[in-house]
Amino acid sequence: MFVLVEMVDTVRIPPWQFERKLNDSIAEELNKKLANKVVYNVGLCICLFDITKLEDAYVFPGDGASHTKDEILIGKIKGCSPEGVHVSLDFFDDILIPPESLQQPAKFDEAEQVWVWEYETEEGAHDLYMDTGEEIRFRVVDESFVDTSPTGPSSADATTSSEELPKKEAPYTLVGSISEPGLGLLSWWTSS
């Protein structure tokens, strides 16, 4: 009847919980996130059974919380939009780095459809463009699963016109960040 499932997750611990034991804080956050929730391809989660492995915790710039377990990947910029930088790993394309997770200060160049990091030096500001096709190193900060299984038509769908097609959603998406030293375009960090 019950099944024990092993999962891997990145857990954000807010600063006001730093005085507590790390295992207790992580267990509380995981139970808040998963207990009494239906998890795709798993079923209803009752509660956390055990924490089997903890990795190093990190504090990201602009966020005083600690984050435990993360991944840094290298992909290619697929394109830019006001929503952020879209990244591809060749075998997977549903990765977005939102504007607030870019190196700051950043702006979107409407004319060229690229994001620009306005890098400040002693000589002044330099515009570093995030062009399509450039390799980019980013940290995975979030992932999202969406159940895209087909469903039967509803009575509301029958009354809509056939020209209105529902927006297709990706079943799995990643959210990235490049808001710390060493992350971003590989060409930014090569030593000359």
Foldseek 3Di string as FASTA:
>chain_A
DDDDDDDDDKFWQAPVCVVDDPQVRRQVRVCVVQAQDQDPPHGHHHGDDDDDDWADWDAAPPGRIIITDWDKDKFFFQFADQQATFTDNPVDTQEGAGCVQEAPPWDQDPVVRWIWHQDQDPVGTDTDTRDGGFMWIWMFDDKDADDPDDDDDDPVNVPDDPVDDDDDDDRMHTYIHQHDPPGTGPVVPDDD
